[in-house]
Every structure is written in C-alpha cells, then in structure tokens.
C-alpha cells in the first residue's frame, strides 16, 4: 500500500466513498426495488404501474448482481 492510498483512505472524502460502496445498504435498496416491482405487478388498480413493473424488477435484479461484488 503506497502513501497516497493510505492518505486517501484516512481522509473524509475517501471514507465517505468507501461508506457509499458498502454491500449492506445497497443490497437493501436493490431488494426494495425488486419488492416494489413485484407489488407493482400484482396490483389491480393502475395499468401504468403494471407497465413499468418488469423494468423495476429488472433494475433491482441487475443492481443486486452488481452490489453483490461490493466489499462487506
């Protein structure tokens, strides 16, 4: 580990970036998108929500796949 890398990790900006790319919160957001898409698909009230349900589920699934490669 070089000095620049150590300095970046000890600064506030480096810590904020590392905190953003954590698996836990991002997995929760992706799972929430998947659940929202399923609810949108199962509701009988709005055709617009039903129309965008598959895109929402797909976005949540792809997000979950990407997030699963983030550090814990």
PDB file of N, CA and C in Angstrom:
ATOM      1  N   UNK A   1       0.847  -1.164   0.000  1.00  0.00           N
ATOM      2  CA  UNK A   1       0.000   0.000   0.000  1.00  0.00           C
ATOM      3  C   UNK A   1       0.899   1.236   0.000  1.00  0.00           C
ATOM      4  N   UNK A   2       0.691   2.120  -0.961  1.00  0.00           N
ATOM      5  CA  UNK A   2       1.534   3.303  -1.041  1.00  0.00           C
ATOM      6  C   UNK A   2       0.984   4.430  -0.175  1.00  0.00           C
ATOM      7  N   UNK A   3       1.764   5.513  -0.083  1.00  0.00           N
ATOM      8  CA  UNK A   3       1.401   6.620   0.816  1.00  0.00           C
ATOM      9  C   UNK A   3       0.140   7.340   0.345  1.00  0.00           C
ATOM     10  N   UNK A   4      -0.022   7.511  -0.979  1.00  0.00           N
ATOM     11  CA  UNK A   4      -1.216   8.195  -1.490  1.00  0.00           C
ATOM     12  C   UNK A   4      -2.476   7.419  -1.160  1.00  0.00           C
ATOM     13  N   UNK A   5      -2.412   6.109  -1.288  1.00  0.00           N
ATOM     14  CA  UNK A   5      -3.583   5.281  -0.986  1.00  0.00           C
ATOM     15  C   UNK A   5      -3.931   5.366   0.500  1.00  0.00           C
ATOM     16  N   UNK A   6      -2.915   5.336   1.352  1.00  0.00           N
ATOM     17  CA  UNK A   6      -3.156   5.427   2.796  1.00  0.00           C
ATOM     18  C   UNK A   6      -3.712   6.798   3.161  1.00  0.00           C
ATOM     19  N   UNK A   7      -3.191   7.856   2.534  1.00  0.00           N
ATOM     20  CA  UNK A   7      -3.677   9.200   2.818  1.00  0.00           C
ATOM     21  C   UNK A   7      -5.129   9.350   2.348  1.00  0.00           C
ATOM     22  N   UNK A   8      -5.466   8.794   1.181  1.00  0.00           N
ATOM     23  CA  UNK A   8      -6.831   8.900   0.676  1.00  0.00           C
ATOM     24  C   UNK A   8      -7.813   8.164   1.587  1.00  0.00           C
ATOM     25  N   UNK A   9      -7.425   7.021   2.115  1.00  0.00           N
ATOM     26  CA  UNK A   9      -8.316   6.266   2.986  1.00  0.00           C
ATOM     27  C   UNK A   9      -8.479   6.923   4.346  1.00  0.00           C
ATOM     28  N   UNK A  10      -7.520   7.754   4.755  1.00  0.00           N
ATOM     29  CA  UNK A  10      -7.636   8.392   6.059  1.00  0.00           C
ATOM     30  C   UNK A  10      -8.381   9.718   5.982  1.00  0.00           C
ATOM     31  N   UNK A  11      -8.613  10.241   4.775  1.00  0.00           N
ATOM     32  CA  UNK A  11      -9.337  11.499   4.643  1.00  0.00           C
ATOM     33  C   UNK A  11     -10.832  11.261   4.691  1.00  0.00           C
ATOM     34  N   UNK A  12     -11.575  12.330   4.907  1.00  0.00           N
ATOM     35  CA  UNK A  12     -13.030  12.223   4.968  1.00  0.00           C
ATOM     36  C   UNK A  12     -13.641  11.815   3.643  1.00  0.00           C
ATOM     37  N   UNK A  13     -13.113  12.336   2.529  1.00  0.00           N
ATOM     38  CA  UNK A  13     -13.678  12.013   1.214  1.00  0.00           C
ATOM     39  C   UNK A  13     -13.497  10.540   0.895  1.00  0.00           C
ATOM     40  N   UNK A  14     -12.340  10.002   1.223  1.00  0.00           N
ATOM     41  CA  UNK A  14     -12.109   8.580   0.964  1.00  0.00           C
ATOM     42  C   UNK A  14     -13.014   7.695   1.804  1.00  0.00           C
ATOM     43  N   UNK A  15     -13.241   8.103   3.042  1.00  0.00           N
ATOM     44  CA  UNK A  15     -14.107   7.313   3.920  1.00  0.00           C
ATOM     45  C   UNK A  15     -15.566   7.393   3.475  1.00  0.00           C
ATOM     46  N   UNK A  16     -15.996   8.563   2.995  1.00  0.00           N
ATOM     47  CA  UNK A  16     -17.374   8.695   2.513  1.00  0.00           C
ATOM     48  C   UNK A  16     -17.595   7.829   1.287  1.00  0.00           C
ATOM     49  N   UNK A  17     -16.603   7.804   0.397  1.00  0.00           N
ATOM     50  CA  UNK A  17     -16.737   6.984  -0.803  1.00  0.00           C
ATOM     51  C   UNK A  17     -16.771   5.503  -0.432  1.00  0.00           C
ATOM     52  N   UNK A  18     -15.924   5.099   0.487  1.00  0.00           N
ATOM     53  CA  UNK A  18     -15.925   3.698   0.907  1.00  0.00           C
ATOM     54  C   UNK A  18     -17.224   3.342   1.607  1.00  0.00           C
ATOM     55  N   UNK A  19     -17.784   4.279   2.368  1.00  0.00           N
ATOM     56  CA  UNK A  19     -19.049   4.017   3.061  1.00  0.00           C
ATOM     57  C   UNK A  19     -20.194   3.884   2.059  1.00  0.00           C
ATOM     58  N   UNK A  20     -20.139   4.607   0.954  1.00  0.00           N
ATOM     59  CA  UNK A  20     -21.197   4.533  -0.053  1.00  0.00           C
ATOM     60  C   UNK A  20     -21.177   3.184  -0.768  1.00  0.00           C
ATOM     61  N   UNK A  21     -19.989   2.651  -1.032  1.00  0.00           N
ATOM     62  CA  UNK A  21     -19.870   1.384  -1.737  1.00  0.00           C
ATOM     63  C   UNK A  21     -19.805   0.209  -0.761  1.00  0.00           C
ATOM     64  N   UNK A  22     -20.723   0.177   0.170  1.00  0.00           N
ATOM     65  CA  UNK A  22     -20.829  -0.936   1.106  1.00  0.00           C
ATOM     66  C   UNK A  22     -21.967  -1.829   0.654  1.00  0.00           C
ATOM     67  N   UNK A  23     -21.849  -3.097   0.905  1.00  0.00           N
ATOM     68  CA  UNK A  23     -22.821  -4.058   0.416  1.00  0.00           C
ATOM     69  C   UNK A  23     -24.174  -3.942   1.110  1.00  0.00           C
ATOM     70  N   UNK A  24     -24.192  -3.738   2.392  1.00  0.00           N
ATOM     71  CA  UNK A  24     -25.435  -3.771   3.160  1.00  0.00           C
ATOM     72  C   UNK A  24     -26.510  -2.798   2.705  1.00  0.00           C
ATOM     73  N   UNK A  25     -26.239  -1.497   2.714  1.00  0.00           N
ATOM     74  CA  UNK A  25     -27.287  -0.547   2.315  1.00  0.00           C
ATOM     75  C   UNK A  25     -27.691  -0.687   0.854  1.00  0.00           C
ATOM     76  N   UNK A  26     -26.735  -0.958  -0.005  1.00  0.00           N
ATOM     77  CA  UNK A  26     -27.043  -1.078  -1.438  1.00  0.00           C
ATOM     78  C   UNK A  26     -27.837  -2.342  -1.724  1.00  0.00           C
ATOM     79  N   UNK A  27     -27.543  -3.432  -1.015  1.00  0.00           N
ATOM     80  CA  UNK A  27     -28.344  -4.648  -1.181  1.00  0.00           C
ATOM     81  C   UNK A  27     -29.779  -4.401  -0.743  1.00  0.00           C
ATOM     82  N   UNK A  28     -29.945  -3.662   0.332  1.00  0.00           N
ATOM     83  CA  UNK A  28     -31.292  -3.339   0.792  1.00  0.00           C
ATOM     84  C   UNK A  28     -32.061  -2.514  -0.220  1.00  0.00           C
ATOM     85  N   UNK A  29     -31.382  -1.561  -0.852  1.00  0.00           N
ATOM     86  CA  UNK A  29     -32.045  -0.742  -1.868  1.00  0.00           C
ATOM     87  C   UNK A  29     -32.427  -1.577  -3.081  1.00  0.00           C
ATOM     88  N   UNK A  30     -31.553  -2.488  -3.497  1.00  0.00           N
ATOM     89  CA  UNK A  30     -31.854  -3.350  -4.635  1.00  0.00           C
ATOM     90  C   UNK A  30     -33.015  -4.295  -4.311  1.00  0.00           C
ATOM     91  N   UNK A  31     -33.019  -4.847  -3.110  1.00  0.00           N
ATOM     92  CA  UNK A  31     -34.117  -5.731  -2.711  1.00  0.00           C
ATOM     93  C   UNK A  31     -35.433  -4.961  -2.623  1.00  0.00           C
ATOM     94  N   UNK A  32     -35.369  -3.711  -2.173  1.00  0.00           N
ATOM     95  CA  UNK A  32     -36.570  -2.878  -2.126  1.00  0.00           C
ATOM     96  C   UNK A  32     -37.112  -2.623  -3.523  1.00  0.00           C
ATOM     97  N   UNK A  33     -36.227  -2.401  -4.487  1.00  0.00           N
ATOM     98  CA  UNK A  33     -36.670  -2.230  -5.873  1.00  0.00           C
ATOM     99  C   UNK A  33     -37.351  -3.484  -6.407  1.00  0.00           C
ATOM    100  N   UNK A  34     -36.788  -4.642  -6.102  1.00  0.00           N
ATOM    101  CA  UNK A  34     -37.388  -5.898  -6.553  1.00  0.00           C
ATOM    102  C   UNK A  34     -38.779  -6.072  -5.941  1.00  0.00           C
ATOM    103  N   UNK A  35     -38.892  -5.825  -4.655  1.00  0.00           N
ATOM    104  CA  UNK A  35     -40.187  -5.961  -3.973  1.00  0.00           C
ATOM    105  C   UNK A  35     -41.194  -4.953  -4.519  1.00  0.00           C
ATOM    106  N   UNK A  36     -40.731  -3.718  -4.761  1.00  0.00           N
ATOM    107  CA  UNK A  36     -41.634  -2.703  -5.325  1.00  0.00           C
ATOM    108  C   UNK A  36     -42.123  -3.130  -6.711  1.00  0.00           C
ATOM    109  N   UNK A  37     -41.249  -3.721  -7.506  1.00  0.00           N
ATOM    110  CA  UNK A  37     -41.655  -4.196  -8.832  1.00  0.00           C
ATOM    111  C   UNK A  37     -42.678  -5.314  -8.755  1.00  0.00           C
ATOM    112  N   UNK A  38     -42.517  -6.204  -7.793  1.00  0.00           N
ATOM    113  CA  UNK A  38     -43.486  -7.296  -7.629  1.00  0.00           C
ATOM    114  C   UNK A  38     -44.835  -6.742  -7.181  1.00  0.00           C
ATOM    115  N   UNK A  39     -44.815  -5.791  -6.259  1.00  0.00           N
ATOM    116  CA  UNK A  39     -46.067  -5.159  -5.814  1.00  0.00           C
ATOM    117  C   UNK A  39     -46.728  -4.438  -6.986  1.00  0.00           C
ATOM    118  N   UNK A  40     -45.929  -3.742  -7.790  1.00  0.00           N
ATOM    119  CA  UNK A  40     -46.470  -3.054  -8.957  1.00  0.00           C
ATOM    120  C   UNK A  40     -47.107  -4.026  -9.938  1.00  0.00           C
ATOM    121  N   UNK A  41     -46.524  -5.213 -10.054  1.00  0.00           N
ATOM    122  CA  UNK A  41     -47.049  -6.199 -10.989  1.00  0.00           C
ATOM    123  C   UNK A  41     -48.337  -6.840 -10.478  1.00  0.00           C
ATOM    124  N   UNK A  42     -48.480  -6.978  -9.174  1.00  0.00           N
ATOM    125  CA  UNK A  42     -49.627  -7.690  -8.600  1.00  0.00           C
ATOM    126  C   UNK A  42     -50.835  -6.789  -8.305  1.00  0.00           C
ATOM    127  N   UNK A  43     -50.660  -5.483  -8.349  1.00  0.00           N
ATOM    128  CA  UNK A  43     -51.772  -4.591  -8.003  1.00  0.00           C
ATOM    129  C   UNK A  43     -52.771  -4.514  -9.165  1.00  0.00           C
ATOM    130  N   UNK A  44     -54.055  -4.402  -8.864  1.00  0.00           N
ATOM    131  CA  UNK A  44     -55.068  -4.386  -9.925  1.00  0.00           C
ATOM    132  C   UNK A  44     -55.569  -2.985 -10.309  1.00  0.00           C
ATOM    133  N   UNK A  45     -54.939  -1.914  -9.850  1.00  0.00           N
ATOM    134  CA  UNK A  45     -55.511  -0.583  -9.983  1.00  0.00           C
ATOM    135  C   UNK A  45     -54.994   0.220 -11.170  1.00  0.00           C
ATOM    136  N   UNK A  46     -53.699   0.167 -11.441  1.00  0.00           N
ATOM    137  CA  UNK A  46     -53.093   1.071 -12.417  1.00  0.00           C
ATOM    138  C   UNK A  46     -52.339   0.291 -13.490  1.00  0.00           C
ATOM    139  N   UNK A  47     -52.707   0.525 -14.727  1.00  0.00           N
ATOM    140  CA  UNK A  47     -52.011  -0.117 -15.835  1.00  0.00           C
ATOM    141  C   UNK A  47     -50.609   0.466 -16.006  1.00  0.00           C
ATOM    142  N   UNK A  48     -50.435   1.726 -15.643  1.00  0.00           N
ATOM    143  CA  UNK A  48     -49.123   2.358 -15.742  1.00  0.00           C
ATOM    144  C   UNK A  48     -48.118   1.685 -14.804  1.00  0.00           C
ATOM    145  N   UNK A  49     -48.538   1.416 -13.569  1.00  0.00           N
ATOM    146  CA  UNK A  49     -47.649   0.724 -12.630  1.00  0.00           C
ATOM    147  C   UNK A  49     -47.317  -0.673 -13.137  1.00  0.00           C
ATOM    148  N   UNK A  50     -48.316  -1.358 -13.671  1.00  0.00           N
ATOM    149  CA  UNK A  50     -48.083  -2.698 -14.216  1.00  0.00           C
ATOM    150  C   UNK A  50     -47.094  -2.644 -15.390  1.00  0.00           C
ATOM    151  N   UNK A  51     -47.215  -1.612 -16.207  1.00  0.00           N
ATOM    152  CA  UNK A  51     -46.345  -1.473 -17.378  1.00  0.00           C
ATOM    153  C   UNK A  51     -44.882  -1.348 -16.973  1.00  0.00           C
ATOM    154  N   UNK A  52     -44.605  -0.593 -15.922  1.00  0.00           N
ATOM    155  CA  UNK A  52     -43.216  -0.379 -15.502  1.00  0.00           C
ATOM    156  C   UNK A  52     -42.727  -1.385 -14.460  1.00  0.00           C
ATOM    157  N   UNK A  53     -43.536  -2.355 -14.120  1.00  0.00           N
ATOM    158  CA  UNK A  53     -43.137  -3.315 -13.086  1.00  0.00           C
ATOM    159  C   UNK A  53     -41.966  -4.181 -13.525  1.00  0.00           C
ATOM    160  N   UNK A  54     -41.976  -4.645 -14.774  1.00  0.00           N
ATOM    161  CA  UNK A  54     -40.877  -5.501 -15.222  1.00  0.00           C
ATOM    162  C   UNK A  54     -39.559  -4.730 -15.249  1.00  0.00           C
ATOM    163  N   UNK A  55     -39.590  -3.490 -15.704  1.00  0.00           N
ATOM    164  CA  UNK A  55     -38.376  -2.668 -15.728  1.00  0.00           C
ATOM    165  C   UNK A  55     -37.853  -2.458 -14.304  1.00  0.00           C
ATOM    166  N   UNK A  56     -38.752  -2.265 -13.362  1.00  0.00           N
ATOM    167  CA  UNK A  56     -38.357  -2.076 -11.965  1.00  0.00           C
ATOM    168  C   UNK A  56     -37.726  -3.343 -11.401  1.00  0.00           C
ATOM    169  N   UNK A  57     -38.331  -4.487 -11.672  1.00  0.00           N
ATOM    170  CA  UNK A  57     -37.767  -5.761 -11.201  1.00  0.00           C
ATOM    171  C   UNK A  57     -36.407  -6.012 -11.848  1.00  0.00           C
ATOM    172  N   UNK A  58     -36.299  -5.744 -13.133  1.00  0.00           N
ATOM    173  CA  UNK A  58     -35.032  -5.951 -13.837  1.00  0.00           C
ATOM    174  C   UNK A  58     -33.944  -5.035 -13.291  1.00  0.00           C
ATOM    175  N   UNK A  59     -34.267  -3.784 -13.036  1.00  0.00           N
ATOM    176  CA  UNK A  59     -33.302  -2.846 -12.469  1.00  0.00           C
ATOM    177  C   UNK A  59     -32.839  -3.294 -11.089  1.00  0.00           C
ATOM    178  N   UNK A  60     -33.768  -3.731 -10.256  1.00  0.00           N
ATOM    179  CA  UNK A  60     -33.406  -4.223  -8.929  1.00  0.00           C
ATOM    180  C   UNK A  60     -32.539  -5.464  -8.987  1.00  0.00           C
ATOM    181  N   UNK A  61     -32.845  -6.366  -9.919  1.00  0.00           N
ATOM    182  CA  UNK A  61     -32.062  -7.599 -10.046  1.00  0.00           C
ATOM    183  C   UNK A  61     -30.649  -7.306 -10.534  1.00  0.00           C
ATOM    184  N   UNK A  62     -30.535  -6.461 -11.555  1.00  0.00           N
ATOM    185  CA  UNK A  62     -29.201  -6.100 -12.042  1.00  0.00           C
ATOM    186  C   UNK A  62     -28.415  -5.341 -10.980  1.00  0.00           C
ATOM    187  N   UNK A  63     -29.100  -4.471 -10.248  1.00  0.00           N
ATOM    188  CA  UNK A  63     -28.436  -3.770  -9.154  1.00  0.00           C
ATOM    189  C   UNK A  63     -27.950  -4.724  -8.080  1.00  0.00           C
ATOM    190  N   UNK A  64     -28.747  -5.732  -7.769  1.00  0.00           N
ATOM    191  CA  UNK A  64     -28.348  -6.707  -6.759  1.00  0.00           C
ATOM    192  C   UNK A  64     -27.127  -7.501  -7.218  1.00  0.00           C
ATOM    193  N   UNK A  65     -27.076  -7.861  -8.486  1.00  0.00           N
ATOM    194  CA  UNK A  65     -25.919  -8.588  -9.017  1.00  0.00           C
ATOM    195  C   UNK A  65     -24.666  -7.735  -8.921  1.00  0.00           C
ATOM    196  N   UNK A  66     -24.765  -6.466  -9.272  1.00  0.00           N
ATOM    197  CA  UNK A  66     -23.600  -5.565  -9.212  1.00  0.00           C
ATOM    198  C   UNK A  66     -23.180  -5.344  -7.757  1.00  0.00           C
ATOM    199  N   UNK A  67     -24.141  -5.107  -6.889  1.00  0.00           N
ATOM    200  CA  UNK A  67     -23.844  -4.828  -5.475  1.00  0.00           C
ATOM    201  C   UNK A  67     -23.247  -6.036  -4.775  1.00  0.00           C
ATOM    202  N   UNK A  68     -23.573  -7.213  -5.227  1.00  0.00           N
ATOM    203  CA  UNK A  68     -23.042  -8.412  -4.566  1.00  0.00           C
ATOM    204  C   UNK A  68     -21.519  -8.516  -4.733  1.00  0.00           C
ATOM    205  N   UNK A  69     -20.937  -7.714  -5.601  1.00  0.00           N
ATOM    206  CA  UNK A  69     -19.487  -7.702  -5.764  1.00  0.00           C
ATOM    207  C   UNK A  69     -18.812  -6.603  -4.948  1.00  0.00           C
ATOM    208  N   UNK A  70     -19.586  -5.793  -4.213  1.00  0.00           N
ATOM    209  CA  UNK A  70     -19.041  -4.741  -3.364  1.00  0.00           C
ATOM    210  C   UNK A  70     -18.438  -5.377  -2.103  1.00  0.00           C
ATOM    211  N   UNK A  71     -17.501  -4.692  -1.452  1.00  0.00           N
ATOM    212  CA  UNK A  71     -16.960  -5.218  -0.194  1.00  0.00           C
ATOM    213  C   UNK A  71     -17.998  -5.146   0.916  1.00  0.00           C
ATOM    214  N   UNK A  72     -17.844  -6.029   1.904  1.00  0.00           N
ATOM    215  CA  UNK A  72     -18.760  -6.046   3.052  1.00  0.00           C
ATOM    216  C   UNK A  72     -18.472  -4.863   3.904  1.00  0.00           C
TER     217      UNK A  72
END
